[in-house]
């Protein structure tokens, strides 16, 4: 792959979850309902958490640090047919960045208690943003090949296809 531009990020914290291997992890936060974790922010960034405790949910943007080389066509967890990588949420990507909306339980100094975690223990955090429904929620959406798969999406786990 030819790189035209590059960007460098420093992680701002680490996520701790009960998931120590990629095996049998939930594939989305909806499938991790009630699963607790902590996000330990770099202590030098603690002041940036002021007022975050007023939000019930946050976006966590993180580095998918245990993924493997990507393919532009993949068979995602929820289907038996191949799809273009960018029409999926497959973890192996050109820039292995993850995005999850999690429930914020508490902010104690530089430690966030969170729920609905679908990340691997030790995952580096790149950013945190508040979830704001009137900014983020869309009223009319199409979900392509995922139509009709909501119930299955809440129960499926990783199975090694992206190793």
Protein backbone atom coordinates (compact mmCIF):
# COMPACT_ATOMS: atom_id res chain seq x y z
CA UNK A 1 0.00 0.00 0.00
CA UNK A 2 1.30 3.44 -0.89
CA UNK A 3 1.18 5.90 1.98
CA UNK A 4 0.40 9.42 0.86
CA UNK A 5 0.08 10.90 4.31
CA UNK A 6 0.71 9.72 7.82
CA UNK A 7 -0.58 10.71 11.22
CA UNK A 8 0.84 9.86 14.62
CA UNK A 9 -1.26 9.49 17.75
CA UNK A 10 -0.31 8.98 21.36
CA UNK A 11 -2.68 6.99 23.48
CA UNK A 12 -4.28 8.83 26.40
CA UNK A 13 -5.25 5.88 28.55
CA UNK A 14 -5.82 2.14 28.80
CA UNK A 15 -9.06 0.15 28.99
CA UNK A 16 -9.34 -2.74 31.43
CA UNK A 17 -11.99 -5.35 30.70
CA UNK A 18 -12.65 -9.01 31.53
CA UNK A 19 -11.64 -9.99 27.97
CA UNK A 20 -8.00 -11.12 28.02
CA UNK A 21 -8.03 -12.94 24.66
CA UNK A 22 -9.76 -12.27 21.37
CA UNK A 23 -11.68 -15.54 21.70
CA UNK A 24 -15.39 -15.27 22.52
CA UNK A 25 -15.48 -11.48 22.87
CA UNK A 26 -18.67 -9.56 22.03
CA UNK A 27 -18.37 -7.91 18.63
CA UNK A 28 -20.21 -4.69 19.54
CA UNK A 29 -21.16 -2.83 22.75
CA UNK A 30 -24.79 -3.97 22.34
CA UNK A 31 -23.61 -7.55 22.75
CA UNK A 32 -21.68 -6.60 25.90
CA UNK A 33 -24.65 -5.22 27.80
CA UNK A 34 -23.78 -4.93 31.48
CA UNK A 35 -20.12 -5.94 31.05
CA UNK A 36 -18.08 -3.62 33.28
CA UNK A 37 -14.65 -2.18 32.69
CA UNK A 38 -12.47 0.77 33.58
CA UNK A 39 -10.75 3.36 31.48
CA UNK A 40 -7.61 4.67 33.17
CA UNK A 41 -6.73 8.03 31.70
CA UNK A 42 -3.20 9.44 31.87
CA UNK A 43 -3.16 11.40 35.17
CA UNK A 44 -1.87 14.50 33.36
CA UNK A 45 -5.15 14.64 31.43
CA UNK A 46 -7.47 14.37 34.45
CA UNK A 47 -8.56 18.01 34.24
CA UNK A 48 -10.07 17.21 30.83
CA UNK A 49 -12.65 15.01 32.57
CA UNK A 50 -14.31 17.97 34.33
CA UNK A 51 -18.08 17.82 33.67
CA UNK A 52 -17.91 14.46 31.86
CA UNK A 53 -19.80 12.85 34.75
CA UNK A 54 -22.93 14.71 33.58
CA UNK A 55 -23.16 12.41 30.55
CA UNK A 56 -24.64 8.92 30.65
CA UNK A 57 -22.74 7.61 27.62
CA UNK A 58 -19.43 8.35 25.93
CA UNK A 59 -17.70 7.45 22.71
CA UNK A 60 -14.41 5.69 23.27
CA UNK A 61 -12.04 5.82 20.31
CA UNK A 62 -9.32 3.23 20.62
CA UNK A 63 -6.50 1.41 18.85
CA UNK A 64 -7.31 -2.15 17.78
CA UNK A 65 -3.82 -3.18 18.86
CA UNK A 66 -4.22 -6.95 18.38
CA UNK A 67 -5.59 -7.01 14.84
CA UNK A 68 -3.89 -8.60 11.88
CA UNK A 69 -3.36 -7.42 8.29
CA UNK A 70 -6.54 -6.30 6.61
CA UNK A 71 -8.24 -7.55 3.47
CA UNK A 72 -10.43 -5.29 1.34
CA UNK A 73 -13.13 -7.98 1.12
CA UNK A 74 -14.15 -9.80 4.30
CA UNK A 75 -16.80 -12.17 5.58
CA UNK A 76 -17.98 -10.39 8.73
CA UNK A 77 -19.12 -12.08 11.94
CA UNK A 78 -22.80 -11.59 11.13
CA UNK A 79 -22.84 -13.03 7.61
CA UNK A 80 -21.58 -15.86 5.46
CA UNK A 81 -21.16 -13.63 2.41
CA UNK A 82 -18.15 -11.45 1.65
CA UNK A 83 -18.55 -7.65 1.75
CA UNK A 84 -16.26 -4.71 1.14
CA UNK A 85 -14.25 -3.93 4.25
CA UNK A 86 -15.70 -0.43 4.56
CA UNK A 87 -19.27 -1.84 4.53
CA UNK A 88 -18.40 -3.79 7.70
CA UNK A 89 -17.11 -3.19 11.19
CA UNK A 90 -14.42 -5.84 10.83
CA UNK A 91 -11.54 -5.09 13.23
CA UNK A 92 -8.68 -5.58 10.75
CA UNK A 93 -8.53 -2.27 8.90
CA UNK A 94 -5.96 -0.03 7.15
CA UNK A 95 -6.04 2.17 10.26
CA UNK A 96 -7.03 -0.13 13.14
CA UNK A 97 -9.24 2.31 15.01
CA UNK A 98 -12.22 1.17 17.09
CA UNK A 99 -15.22 3.18 18.17
CA UNK A 100 -17.70 2.18 20.86
CA UNK A 101 -20.46 3.95 22.74
CA UNK A 102 -20.27 2.84 26.37
CA UNK A 103 -22.28 3.71 29.47
CA UNK A 104 -20.41 5.99 31.85
CA UNK A 105 -21.02 4.86 35.43
CA UNK A 106 -18.63 7.10 37.35
CA UNK A 107 -15.61 9.37 37.10
CA UNK A 108 -13.15 9.04 40.00
CA UNK A 109 -10.06 11.18 39.48
CA UNK A 110 -8.54 9.80 36.24
CA UNK A 111 -10.50 6.51 36.25
CA UNK A 112 -13.77 6.06 34.40
CA UNK A 113 -16.04 3.18 35.36
CA UNK A 114 -17.86 2.08 32.21
CA UNK A 115 -20.29 -0.61 31.06
CA UNK A 116 -21.05 -2.38 27.78
CA UNK A 117 -17.36 -2.83 27.01
CA UNK A 118 -16.46 -4.79 23.89
CA UNK A 119 -12.72 -4.13 24.01
CA UNK A 120 -9.78 -6.34 24.84
CA UNK A 121 -8.11 -5.78 28.22
CA UNK A 122 -5.16 -3.42 27.79
CA UNK A 123 -6.60 -1.62 24.75
CA UNK A 124 -5.00 1.81 24.20
CA UNK A 125 -7.45 4.73 24.20
CA UNK A 126 -7.02 7.49 21.63
CA UNK A 127 -9.89 9.79 22.64
CA UNK A 128 -13.11 10.16 24.62
CA UNK A 129 -16.13 12.20 23.54
CA UNK A 130 -19.58 12.61 25.09
CA UNK A 131 -22.50 10.94 23.33
CA UNK A 132 -25.18 13.55 22.60
CA UNK A 133 -28.35 12.13 21.03
CA UNK A 134 -29.45 15.35 19.33
CA UNK A 135 -26.03 15.60 17.65
CA UNK A 136 -25.52 11.90 16.95
CA UNK A 137 -28.84 10.07 16.59
CA UNK A 138 -30.17 9.78 13.07
CA UNK A 139 -33.92 9.39 12.53
CA UNK A 140 -33.93 7.80 9.07
CA UNK A 141 -31.22 5.27 8.33
CA UNK A 142 -30.45 2.38 5.99
CA UNK A 143 -28.29 -0.45 7.29
CA UNK A 144 -27.56 -2.33 4.07
CA UNK A 145 -26.75 -6.01 4.38
CA UNK A 146 -27.29 -5.84 8.17
CA UNK A 147 -31.06 -5.46 7.75
CA UNK A 148 -32.81 -8.08 9.86
CA UNK A 149 -29.70 -9.09 11.84
CA UNK A 150 -30.20 -7.03 15.04
CA UNK A 151 -31.13 -9.96 17.30
CA UNK A 152 -28.19 -12.05 16.10
CA UNK A 153 -25.81 -9.09 16.49
CA UNK A 154 -26.52 -8.91 20.21
CA UNK A 155 -25.42 -12.49 20.88
CA UNK A 156 -22.60 -13.28 18.44
CA UNK A 157 -19.00 -13.47 19.67
CA UNK A 158 -15.62 -13.42 17.96
CA UNK A 159 -14.62 -16.65 16.30
CA UNK A 160 -11.06 -16.26 15.04
CA UNK A 161 -11.83 -15.21 11.48
CA UNK A 162 -9.73 -12.03 11.83
CA UNK A 163 -6.65 -13.69 13.32
